[in-house]
C-alpha atoms as a PDB file:
ATOM      1  CA  MET A   1       9.652  -2.587 -30.070  1.00  0.00           C
ATOM      2  CA  THR A   2       7.076  -4.872 -29.158  1.00  0.00           C
ATOM      3  CA  LEU A   3       3.388  -3.700 -28.548  1.00  0.00           C
ATOM      4  CA  SER A   4       3.568  -4.687 -24.890  1.00  0.00           C
ATOM      5  CA  THR A   5       7.018  -2.722 -24.503  1.00  0.00           C
ATOM      6  CA  LEU A   6       5.606   0.413 -26.047  1.00  0.00           C
ATOM      7  CA  GLY A   7       2.276   0.175 -24.273  1.00  0.00           C
ATOM      8  CA  THR A   8       4.250   0.080 -21.052  1.00  0.00           C
ATOM      9  CA  ARG A   9       6.311   3.227 -21.864  1.00  0.00           C
ATOM     10  CA  LEU A  10       3.365   5.324 -22.974  1.00  0.00           C
ATOM     11  CA  LEU A  11       1.670   4.366 -19.675  1.00  0.00           C
ATOM     12  CA  VAL A  12       4.161   6.091 -17.614  1.00  0.00           C
ATOM     13  CA  MET A  13       4.302   9.286 -19.579  1.00  0.00           C
ATOM     14  CA  ASP A  14       2.753  12.264 -18.202  1.00  0.00           C
ATOM     15  CA  GLU A  15      -0.967  11.996 -18.970  1.00  0.00           C
ATOM     16  CA  ASN A  16      -1.145  15.648 -19.924  1.00  0.00           C
ATOM     17  CA  LYS A  17       1.359  15.299 -22.365  1.00  0.00           C
ATOM     18  CA  LEU A  18      -0.398  12.153 -24.225  1.00  0.00           C
ATOM     19  CA  LYS A  19      -3.513  14.395 -24.034  1.00  0.00           C
ATOM     20  CA  ASN A  20      -1.805  17.367 -25.909  1.00  0.00           C
ATOM     21  CA  LEU A  21      -0.559  15.211 -28.584  1.00  0.00           C
ATOM     22  CA  LYS A  22      -1.366  16.782 -31.967  1.00  0.00           C
ATOM     23  CA  ILE A  23      -4.111  14.449 -34.211  1.00  0.00           C
ATOM     24  CA  GLU A  24      -1.371  14.812 -36.927  1.00  0.00           C
ATOM     25  CA  GLU A  25       1.442  13.683 -34.886  1.00  0.00           C
ATOM     26  CA  VAL A  26      -0.543  10.556 -33.886  1.00  0.00           C
ATOM     27  CA  ALA A  27      -1.602   9.767 -37.359  1.00  0.00           C
ATOM     28  CA  GLN A  28       1.548   9.890 -38.498  1.00  0.00           C
ATOM     29  CA  ASN A  29       2.979   7.375 -36.196  1.00  0.00           C
ATOM     30  CA  GLU A  30       1.936   3.760 -37.040  1.00  0.00           C
ATOM     31  CA  GLU A  31       2.694   2.279 -33.748  1.00  0.00           C
ATOM     32  CA  LEU A  32       0.997   5.593 -31.819  1.00  0.00           C
ATOM     33  CA  LYS A  33      -1.890   4.861 -34.236  1.00  0.00           C
ATOM     34  CA  ASN A  34      -2.333   1.354 -33.540  1.00  0.00           C
ATOM     35  CA  ILE A  35      -2.324   1.575 -29.588  1.00  0.00           C
ATOM     36  CA  SER A  36      -3.506   5.082 -28.739  1.00  0.00           C
ATOM     37  CA  ASN A  37      -7.214   3.854 -28.375  1.00  0.00           C
ATOM     38  CA  PHE A  38      -6.652   1.316 -25.594  1.00  0.00           C
ATOM     39  CA  THR A  39      -3.636   3.007 -23.688  1.00  0.00           C
ATOM     40  CA  LEU A  40      -5.754   5.897 -23.217  1.00  0.00           C
ATOM     41  CA  SER A  41      -9.319   4.569 -22.834  1.00  0.00           C
ATOM     42  CA  ARG A  42     -11.441   3.853 -19.934  1.00  0.00           C
ATOM     43  CA  ASN A  43     -13.186   0.634 -19.316  1.00  0.00           C
ATOM     44  CA  VAL A  44     -11.086  -1.119 -21.718  1.00  0.00           C
ATOM     45  CA  PRO A  45     -12.877  -3.947 -24.047  1.00  0.00           C
ATOM     46  CA  GLU A  46     -11.372  -7.163 -23.355  1.00  0.00           C
ATOM     47  CA  GLU A  47     -10.037  -7.723 -26.873  1.00  0.00           C
ATOM     48  CA  LYS A  48      -7.960  -4.252 -26.712  1.00  0.00           C
ATOM     49  CA  ARG A  49      -6.284  -5.047 -23.520  1.00  0.00           C
ATOM     50  CA  LEU A  50      -2.648  -5.499 -23.297  1.00  0.00           C
ATOM     51  CA  GLN A  51      -1.954  -9.359 -22.732  1.00  0.00           C
ATOM     52  CA  ASN A  52       0.184 -10.708 -19.580  1.00  0.00           C
ATOM     53  CA  THR A  53       3.364 -12.054 -20.031  1.00  0.00           C
ATOM     54  CA  ASP A  54       5.468 -14.328 -18.022  1.00  0.00           C
ATOM     55  CA  THR A  55       7.097 -10.935 -16.341  1.00  0.00           C
ATOM     56  CA  ILE A  56       4.152  -8.267 -16.628  1.00  0.00           C
ATOM     57  CA  THR A  57       0.740  -8.403 -15.362  1.00  0.00           C
ATOM     58  CA  TYR A  58      -1.830  -5.525 -16.348  1.00  0.00           C
ATOM     59  CA  ILE A  59      -4.668  -4.748 -13.870  1.00  0.00           C
ATOM     60  CA  TYR A  60      -7.876  -3.077 -15.635  1.00  0.00           C
ATOM     61  CA  ASP A  61     -10.378  -3.480 -12.864  1.00  0.00           C
ATOM     62  CA  ALA A  62     -11.003  -4.417  -9.475  1.00  0.00           C
ATOM     63  CA  GLN A  63     -11.669  -8.287 -10.574  1.00  0.00           C
ATOM     64  CA  ASP A  64      -8.227  -8.119 -12.145  1.00  0.00           C
ATOM     65  CA  PHE A  65      -7.098  -6.804  -8.729  1.00  0.00           C
ATOM     66  CA  ALA A  66      -8.675  -9.444  -6.932  1.00  0.00           C
ATOM     67  CA  GLU A  67      -7.072 -12.101  -9.241  1.00  0.00           C
ATOM     68  CA  PHE A  68      -3.569 -10.793  -8.665  1.00  0.00           C
ATOM     69  CA  ARG A  69      -4.251 -10.946  -4.952  1.00  0.00           C
ATOM     70  CA  ASP A  70      -5.460 -14.396  -4.882  1.00  0.00           C
ATOM     71  CA  ASN A  71      -2.319 -15.548  -7.310  1.00  0.00           C
ATOM     72  CA  VAL A  72      -0.071 -14.081  -4.181  1.00  0.00           C
ATOM     73  CA  ASN A  73      -1.847 -15.378  -1.461  1.00  0.00           C
ATOM     74  CA  ALA A  74      -1.525 -18.703  -3.307  1.00  0.00           C
ATOM     75  CA  GLY A  75       2.205 -18.940  -3.282  1.00  0.00           C
ATOM     76  CA  ASN A  76       3.236 -16.760  -6.352  1.00  0.00           C
ATOM     77  CA  ASN A  77       5.488 -13.827  -4.614  1.00  0.00           C
ATOM     78  CA  TYR A  78       6.051 -12.254  -7.993  1.00  0.00           C
ATOM     79  CA  ALA A  79       9.857 -11.845  -7.823  1.00  0.00           C
ATOM     80  CA  GLY A  80      11.325 -10.363 -10.704  1.00  0.00           C
ATOM     81  CA  LYS A  81       7.870  -9.608 -12.217  1.00  0.00           C
ATOM     82  CA  THR A  82       6.024  -6.056 -12.666  1.00  0.00           C
ATOM     83  CA  ILE A  83       2.548  -5.554 -11.901  1.00  0.00           C
ATOM     84  CA  TYR A  84       1.023  -2.209 -13.818  1.00  0.00           C
ATOM     85  CA  LEU A  85      -2.324  -0.693 -12.919  1.00  0.00           C
ATOM     86  CA  MET A  86      -4.083   0.351 -16.329  1.00  0.00           C
ATOM     87  CA  ASP A  87      -6.854   2.452 -14.787  1.00  0.00           C
ATOM     88  CA  ASN A  88      -8.414   3.955 -11.549  1.00  0.00           C
ATOM     89  CA  ILE A  89      -9.809   1.133  -9.731  1.00  0.00           C
ATOM     90  CA  ASP A  90     -12.788   1.105  -7.157  1.00  0.00           C
ATOM     91  CA  LEU A  91     -12.602  -1.895  -5.230  1.00  0.00           C
ATOM     92  CA  THR A  92     -16.193  -1.619  -3.863  1.00  0.00           C
ATOM     93  CA  SER A  93     -17.346  -4.737  -5.901  1.00  0.00           C
ATOM     94  CA  VAL A  94     -14.870  -7.039  -4.202  1.00  0.00           C
ATOM     95  CA  CYS A  95     -14.724  -5.493  -0.606  1.00  0.00           C
ATOM     96  CA  SER A  96     -16.974  -3.454   1.195  1.00  0.00           C
ATOM     97  CA  GLU A  97     -19.171  -3.301   4.563  1.00  0.00           C
ATOM     98  CA  THR A  98     -21.910  -5.335   2.378  1.00  0.00           C
ATOM     99  CA  VAL A  99     -19.417  -7.458   0.237  1.00  0.00           C
ATOM    100  CA  GLY A 100     -16.994  -8.336   3.106  1.00  0.00           C
ATOM    101  CA  THR A 101     -13.422  -7.390   4.217  1.00  0.00           C
ATOM    102  CA  TRP A 102     -10.334  -7.263   1.820  1.00  0.00           C
ATOM    103  CA  THR A 103      -7.965 -10.029   2.173  1.00  0.00           C
ATOM    104  CA  PRO A 104      -4.606  -8.369   2.303  1.00  0.00           C
ATOM    105  CA  ILE A 105      -2.149  -9.148  -0.235  1.00  0.00           C
ATOM    106  CA  GLY A 106       0.873 -11.203   0.876  1.00  0.00           C
ATOM    107  CA  HIS A 107      -0.636 -12.599   4.079  1.00  0.00           C
ATOM    108  CA  THR A 108       0.723 -16.117   3.412  1.00  0.00           C
ATOM    109  CA  THR A 109       3.724 -15.256   0.985  1.00  0.00           C
ATOM    110  CA  GLU A 110       5.378 -12.117   0.869  1.00  0.00           C
ATOM    111  CA  PHE A 111       5.115  -9.886  -2.019  1.00  0.00           C
ATOM    112  CA  SER A 112       8.592  -9.708  -3.890  1.00  0.00           C
ATOM    113  CA  GLY A 113       7.794  -8.003  -7.207  1.00  0.00           C
ATOM    114  CA  THR A 114       7.103  -4.342  -8.377  1.00  0.00           C
ATOM    115  CA  PHE A 115       3.835  -2.860  -8.384  1.00  0.00           C
ATOM    116  CA  ASP A 116       3.564   0.277 -10.473  1.00  0.00           C
ATOM    117  CA  GLY A 117       0.373   2.039  -9.923  1.00  0.00           C
ATOM    118  CA  ASN A 118       1.061   4.230 -13.296  1.00  0.00           C
ATOM    119  CA  TYR A 119       0.027   7.441 -11.099  1.00  0.00           C
ATOM    120  CA  TYR A 120      -3.570   5.759 -10.874  1.00  0.00           C
ATOM    121  CA  THR A 121      -5.799   5.727  -8.069  1.00  0.00           C
ATOM    122  CA  VAL A 122      -7.141   2.828  -6.212  1.00  0.00           C
ATOM    123  CA  SER A 123     -10.491   3.618  -4.118  1.00  0.00           C
ATOM    124  CA  ASN A 124     -12.602   2.078  -1.511  1.00  0.00           C
ATOM    125  CA  LEU A 125     -10.332   0.000   0.244  1.00  0.00           C
ATOM    126  CA  TYR A 126     -12.111  -1.949   3.328  1.00  0.00           C
ATOM    127  CA  ILE A 127     -10.591  -3.901   5.636  1.00  0.00           C
ATOM    128  CA  ASN A 128     -12.500  -4.507   9.074  1.00  0.00           C
ATOM    129  CA  SER A 129     -10.830  -7.869  10.395  1.00  0.00           C
ATOM    130  CA  GLY A 130      -8.625  -9.427  12.984  1.00  0.00           C
ATOM    131  CA  ALA A 131      -7.855 -12.475  10.985  1.00  0.00           C
ATOM    132  CA  TYR A 132      -4.323 -11.430  10.236  1.00  0.00           C
ATOM    133  CA  GLN A 133      -1.551  -9.770  12.161  1.00  0.00           C
ATOM    134  CA  TYR A 134      -0.363  -7.475   9.354  1.00  0.00           C
ATOM    135  CA  GLU A 135      -3.332  -5.477   7.322  1.00  0.00           C
ATOM    136  CA  GLY A 136      -3.312  -3.087   4.578  1.00  0.00           C
ATOM    137  CA  LEU A 137      -3.564  -3.410   0.756  1.00  0.00           C
ATOM    138  CA  PHE A 138      -0.785  -5.684   1.097  1.00  0.00           C
ATOM    139  CA  SER A 139       0.095  -7.569   4.310  1.00  0.00           C
ATOM    140  CA  LYS A 140       3.652  -7.993   3.768  1.00  0.00           C
ATOM    141  CA  ILE A 141       6.158  -6.625   1.354  1.00  0.00           C
ATOM    142  CA  GLY A 142       9.479  -8.590   1.190  1.00  0.00           C
ATOM    143  CA  ALA A 143      13.108  -7.490   0.696  1.00  0.00           C
ATOM    144  CA  SER A 144      12.900  -7.220  -3.136  1.00  0.00           C
ATOM    145  CA  GLY A 145       9.212  -5.992  -3.255  1.00  0.00           C
ATOM    146  CA  ILE A 146       8.549  -2.444  -4.387  1.00  0.00           C
ATOM    147  CA  ILE A 147       5.023  -0.360  -4.446  1.00  0.00           C
ATOM    148  CA  ARG A 148       5.437   2.779  -6.631  1.00  0.00           C
ATOM    149  CA  ASN A 149       3.400   5.539  -8.193  1.00  0.00           C
ATOM    150  CA  THR A 150       0.037   4.621  -6.322  1.00  0.00           C
ATOM    151  CA  ILE A 151      -2.427   6.806  -4.706  1.00  0.00           C
ATOM    152  CA  LEU A 152      -5.023   5.336  -2.176  1.00  0.00           C
ATOM    153  CA  SER A 153      -8.312   7.207  -1.632  1.00  0.00           C
ATOM    154  CA  ASN A 154     -11.298   6.537   1.063  1.00  0.00           C
ATOM    155  CA  VAL A 155      -9.487   3.805   2.676  1.00  0.00           C
ATOM    156  CA  TYR A 156     -11.117   2.072   5.721  1.00  0.00           C
ATOM    157  CA  VAL A 157      -8.547  -0.366   7.261  1.00  0.00           C
ATOM    158  CA  ARG A 158      -9.312  -1.493  10.976  1.00  0.00           C
ATOM    159  CA  ASN A 159      -6.872  -4.427  12.306  1.00  0.00           C
ATOM    160  CA  VAL A 160      -8.707  -5.859  15.431  1.00  0.00           C
ATOM    161  CA  PHE A 161      -6.145  -8.568  15.783  1.00  0.00           C
ATOM    162  CA  ASN A 162      -6.701  -9.931  19.398  1.00  0.00           C
ATOM    163  CA  ASN A 163      -3.625 -12.102  20.282  1.00  0.00           C
ATOM    164  CA  ALA A 164      -2.236 -12.401  23.819  1.00  0.00           C
ATOM    165  CA  THR A 165       1.343 -13.030  22.593  1.00  0.00           C
ATOM    166  CA  ILE A 166       1.504 -11.288  19.057  1.00  0.00           C
ATOM    167  CA  PRO A 167       0.830  -7.594  18.290  1.00  0.00           C
ATOM    168  CA  GLY A 168      -0.832  -6.361  15.299  1.00  0.00           C
ATOM    169  CA  SER A 169      -0.108  -4.019  12.696  1.00  0.00           C
ATOM    170  CA  ALA A 170      -1.993  -1.822  10.233  1.00  0.00           C
ATOM    171  CA  GLY A 171      -0.996   0.679   7.362  1.00  0.00           C
ATOM    172  CA  ALA A 172      -3.067   1.775   4.091  1.00  0.00           C
ATOM    173  CA  PHE A 173      -0.256   0.471   1.745  1.00  0.00           C
ATOM    174  CA  ALA A 174       1.143  -2.609   3.756  1.00  0.00           C
ATOM    175  CA  GLY A 175       0.964  -4.200   7.525  1.00  0.00           C
ATOM    176  CA  ILE A 176       4.723  -4.733   7.482  1.00  0.00           C
ATOM    177  CA  ILE A 177       7.766  -4.049   5.041  1.00  0.00           C
ATOM    178  CA  THR A 178      10.842  -6.123   5.414  1.00  0.00           C
ATOM    179  CA  GLY A 179      13.429  -4.603   3.331  1.00  0.00           C
ATOM    180  CA  GLY A 180      11.040  -3.623   0.345  1.00  0.00           C
ATOM    181  CA  LYS A 181      10.275  -0.336  -0.678  1.00  0.00           C
ATOM    182  CA  ILE A 182       7.258   2.365  -1.359  1.00  0.00           C
ATOM    183  CA  ILE A 183       8.078   4.955  -3.409  1.00  0.00           C
ATOM    184  CA  ASN A 184       6.085   7.957  -4.688  1.00  0.00           C
ATOM    185  CA  CYS A 185       3.013   6.986  -2.985  1.00  0.00           C
ATOM    186  CA  GLY A 186       0.127   8.531  -1.086  1.00  0.00           C
ATOM    187  CA  VAL A 187      -3.241   8.116   1.002  1.00  0.00           C
ATOM    188  CA  ASP A 188      -5.776  10.923   0.115  1.00  0.00           C
ATOM    189  CA  SER A 189      -8.371  10.154   2.446  1.00  0.00           C
ATOM    190  CA  GLY A 190      -9.736   7.661   4.956  1.00  0.00           C
ATOM    191  CA  SER A 191      -9.130   5.980   8.386  1.00  0.00           C
ATOM    192  CA  ILE A 192      -6.639   3.396   9.477  1.00  0.00           C
ATOM    193  CA  TYR A 193      -7.145   1.786  12.939  1.00  0.00           C
ATOM    194  CA  CYS A 194      -5.256  -0.904  14.813  1.00  0.00           C
ATOM    195  CA  ILE A 195      -7.215  -1.910  18.137  1.00  0.00           C
ATOM    196  CA  LYS A 196      -6.521  -4.537  20.762  1.00  0.00           C
ATOM    197  CA  THR A 197      -9.400  -5.287  23.339  1.00  0.00           C
ATOM    198  CA  ILE A 198      -7.694  -7.991  25.317  1.00  0.00           C
ATOM    199  CA  GLY A 199      -4.751  -8.170  27.600  1.00  0.00           C
ATOM    200  CA  ASN A 200      -1.296  -9.836  27.125  1.00  0.00           C
ATOM    201  CA  SER A 201       0.116 -13.229  28.619  1.00  0.00           C
ATOM    202  CA  GLY A 202       2.982 -12.463  30.916  1.00  0.00           C
ATOM    203  CA  THR A 203       4.731  -9.401  31.466  1.00  0.00           C
ATOM    204  CA  ALA A 204       6.453  -8.908  28.190  1.00  0.00           C
ATOM    205  CA  TRP A 205       5.238  -5.675  26.097  1.00  0.00           C
ATOM    206  CA  LYS A 206       3.205  -6.231  23.103  1.00  0.00           C
ATOM    207  CA  CYS A 207       3.301  -3.060  20.777  1.00  0.00           C
ATOM    208  CA  GLN A 208       0.518  -2.521  18.264  1.00  0.00           C
ATOM    209  CA  ARG A 209       1.824  -0.658  15.030  1.00  0.00           C
ATOM    210  CA  VAL A 210      -0.037   1.422  13.028  1.00  0.00           C
ATOM    211  CA  GLY A 211       0.886   3.990  10.483  1.00  0.00           C
ATOM    212  CA  GLY A 212      -0.625   5.943   7.579  1.00  0.00           C
ATOM    213  CA  ILE A 213       1.498   4.140   4.920  1.00  0.00           C
ATOM    214  CA  THR A 214       2.859   1.134   6.681  1.00  0.00           C
ATOM    215  CA  GLY A 215       2.755  -0.103  10.359  1.00  0.00           C
ATOM    216  CA  ASP A 216       5.974  -1.818  10.550  1.00  0.00           C
ATOM    217  CA  LEU A 217       9.183  -0.878   8.683  1.00  0.00           C
ATOM    218  CA  ILE A 218      12.061  -3.289   8.932  1.00  0.00           C
ATOM    219  CA  GLY A 219      15.098  -2.334   7.138  1.00  0.00           C
ATOM    220  CA  GLY A 220      12.949  -1.000   3.942  1.00  0.00           C
ATOM    221  CA  GLU A 221      12.423   2.429   2.586  1.00  0.00           C
ATOM    222  CA  ILE A 222       9.439   5.021   2.366  1.00  0.00           C
ATOM    223  CA  ASN A 223      10.407   7.780  -0.119  1.00  0.00           C
ATOM    224  CA  SER A 224       8.365  10.604  -1.385  1.00  0.00           C
ATOM    225  CA  CYS A 225       4.981   9.371   0.345  1.00  0.00           C
ATOM    226  CA  TYR A 226       2.297  11.184   2.031  1.00  0.00           C
ATOM    227  CA  ASN A 227      -0.630  10.512   4.322  1.00  0.00           C
ATOM    228  CA  LYS A 228      -4.065  12.542   4.854  1.00  0.00           C
ATOM    229  CA  ALA A 229      -5.957   9.815   6.423  1.00  0.00           C
ATOM    230  CA  TYR A 230      -6.713   9.773  10.347  1.00  0.00           C
ATOM    231  CA  VAL A 231      -4.502   6.975  11.900  1.00  0.00           C
ATOM    232  CA  GLU A 232      -5.483   5.778  15.285  1.00  0.00           C
ATOM    233  CA  GLY A 233      -3.967   3.036  17.737  1.00  0.00           C
ATOM    234  CA  ARG A 234      -5.632   1.859  20.884  1.00  0.00           C
ATOM    235  CA  ASN A 235      -5.112  -0.832  23.556  1.00  0.00           C
ATOM    236  CA  VAL A 236      -8.544  -1.065  25.421  1.00  0.00           C
ATOM    237  CA  VAL A 237      -6.940  -3.626  28.163  1.00  0.00           C
ATOM    238  CA  GLN A 238      -3.911  -1.829  29.882  1.00  0.00           C
ATOM    239  CA  ASN A 239      -1.836  -4.968  30.632  1.00  0.00           C
ATOM    240  CA  TYR A 240       1.695  -4.661  29.389  1.00  0.00           C
ATOM    241  CA  ASN A 241      -0.212  -3.231  25.952  1.00  0.00           C
ATOM    242  CA  SER A 242       1.527  -0.766  24.285  1.00  0.00           C
ATOM    243  CA  VAL A 243       1.222   1.567  20.667  1.00  0.00           C
ATOM    244  CA  TYR A 244       3.748   2.538  18.189  1.00  0.00           C
ATOM    245  CA  ILE A 245       1.795   5.062  15.897  1.00  0.00           C
ATOM    246  CA  GLY A 246       2.893   7.535  13.107  1.00  0.00           C
ATOM    247  CA  GLY A 247       1.443   9.403  10.242  1.00  0.00           C
ATOM    248  CA  ILE A 248       3.721   7.764   7.760  1.00  0.00           C
ATOM    249  CA  VAL A 249       4.961   4.455   9.588  1.00  0.00           C
ATOM    250  CA  GLY A 250       4.063   3.169  13.231  1.00  0.00           C
ATOM    251  CA  CYS A 251       7.426   1.757  14.302  1.00  0.00           C
ATOM    252  CA  ASN A 252      10.592   1.543  12.395  1.00  0.00           C
ATOM    253  CA  SER A 253      11.771  -1.564  14.141  1.00  0.00           C
ATOM    254  CA  GLY A 254      14.899  -2.704  12.176  1.00  0.00           C
ATOM    255  CA  GLY A 255      17.716  -1.942   9.901  1.00  0.00           C
ATOM    256  CA  PRO A 256      16.906   0.842  10.486  1.00  0.00           C
ATOM    257  CA  GLY A 257      14.497   1.684   7.760  1.00  0.00           C
ATOM    258  CA  LYS A 258      14.687   4.985   5.858  1.00  0.00           C
ATOM    259  CA  VAL A 259      11.888   7.444   5.654  1.00  0.00           C
ATOM    260  CA  TYR A 260      12.741  10.366   3.062  1.00  0.00           C
ATOM    261  CA  ASN A 261      10.767  13.238   1.894  1.00  0.00           C
ATOM    262  CA  CYS A 262       7.292  12.492   3.425  1.00  0.00           C
ATOM    263  CA  TYR A 263       4.671  14.624   4.972  1.00  0.00           C
ATOM    264  CA  ASN A 264       1.824  13.901   6.815  1.00  0.00           C
ATOM    265  CA  THR A 265      -1.776  16.117   7.296  1.00  0.00           C
ATOM    266  CA  GLY A 266      -3.480  13.231   8.648  1.00  0.00           C
ATOM    267  CA  THR A 267      -4.698  13.191  12.451  1.00  0.00           C
ATOM    268  CA  VAL A 268      -3.004  10.713  14.503  1.00  0.00           C
ATOM    269  CA  TYR A 269      -4.508   9.383  17.772  1.00  0.00           C
ATOM    270  CA  ALA A 270      -3.384   7.084  20.445  1.00  0.00           C
ATOM    271  CA  GLN A 271      -4.667   5.326  23.650  1.00  0.00           C
ATOM    272  CA  ALA A 272      -2.711   2.948  25.765  1.00  0.00           C
ATOM    273  CA  TYR A 273      -0.620   2.352  28.894  1.00  0.00           C
ATOM    274  CA  PHE A 274       2.589   3.027  26.962  1.00  0.00           C
ATOM    275  CA  LEU A 275       2.617   4.950  23.645  1.00  0.00           C
ATOM    276  CA  ALA A 276       5.044   6.489  21.268  1.00  0.00           C
ATOM    277  CA  ILE A 277       3.292   8.767  18.839  1.00  0.00           C
ATOM    278  CA  SER A 278       4.498  11.165  16.286  1.00  0.00           C
ATOM    279  CA  GLY A 279       3.385  12.646  12.976  1.00  0.00           C
ATOM    280  CA  ILE A 280       5.756  10.848  10.974  1.00  0.00           C
ATOM    281  CA  VAL A 281       7.341   7.864  12.604  1.00  0.00           C
ATOM    282  CA  GLY A 282       5.955   6.701  15.876  1.00  0.00           C
ATOM    283  CA  ASP A 283       9.317   4.972  17.084  1.00  0.00           C
ATOM    284  CA  SER A 284      12.867   3.879  16.142  1.00  0.00           C
ATOM    285  CA  LEU A 285      13.309   1.652  19.014  1.00  0.00           C
ATOM    286  CA  GLY A 286      16.581   3.364  20.004  1.00  0.00           C
ATOM    287  CA  LEU A 287      17.881   2.977  16.487  1.00  0.00           C
ATOM    288  CA  THR A 288      19.549   5.479  14.673  1.00  0.00           C
ATOM    289  CA  SER A 289      16.790   7.292  13.078  1.00  0.00           C
ATOM    290  CA  GLY A 290      16.386   6.812   9.108  1.00  0.00           C
ATOM    291  CA  ARG A 291      14.310   9.937   8.917  1.00  0.00           C
ATOM    292  CA  ARG A 292      15.343  12.741   6.564  1.00  0.00           C
ATOM    293  CA  ASN A 293      13.293  15.678   5.109  1.00  0.00           C
ATOM    294  CA  CYS A 294      10.138  14.627   6.448  1.00  0.00           C
ATOM    295  CA  LYS A 295       7.117  17.229   7.682  1.00  0.00           C
ATOM    296  CA  LEU A 296       3.995  17.370   9.600  1.00  0.00           C
ATOM    297  CA  LEU A 297       1.638  19.796   8.302  1.00  0.00           C
END
């Protein structure tokens, strides 16, 4: 067993079990003895970090996270690769009201790999922008993309994508999912907005999409997730503007996508000439619902 393989296996174990290992058991196991210092530590020194491979990337801090984001946005979709969080990550040093807005992962290239949060928390995501149609920690998650075992805390996502012909979309984890999956993830706190302040061109409806987990879901899957953040969608100019808004998914707009075993406790608020609003999924556009075993608490 290689060092990186053993380290990965340990990291997905329950943390309490690791804490309760007897000193004698660790001392008698040479492999555990060699790696326990850095698999369980915080602020891991560079020399003790697991090294990235061709198929595995380890994220230890906000700078690592930003570098991973920039790699995706430069054209690496990470298909067939896995990214592991190795600690709780505070994003304040790379995005804040002072530093500036977070650029979403995958706004040019859909993320197609597996992102495993290892049950750690990513805190203080800050987005206040109208630069991209799809705003969130991730912009677009592709058909083979998977986000799992990740908690977001104190998120601030505000998408003001003012385009007369294209609607905006926002979610804490993703602006849009096109066939991918978000599994066993949650939003502990914060606010998510999708706001439009101009009218549309022509008479075709342009529908903003905003949800606690994702704004738009096309043939993908949200499974065993929750949202506790405030969610708001508004179209200030009521000229064929509408809002699809839900506590988990704004719009299940193709496939249909599947939303299983989810719950929402966050407030959902909308203002528009026409709106579809729900505590779980705002609208499914007439498709057979893919929702099962979900609750608004």
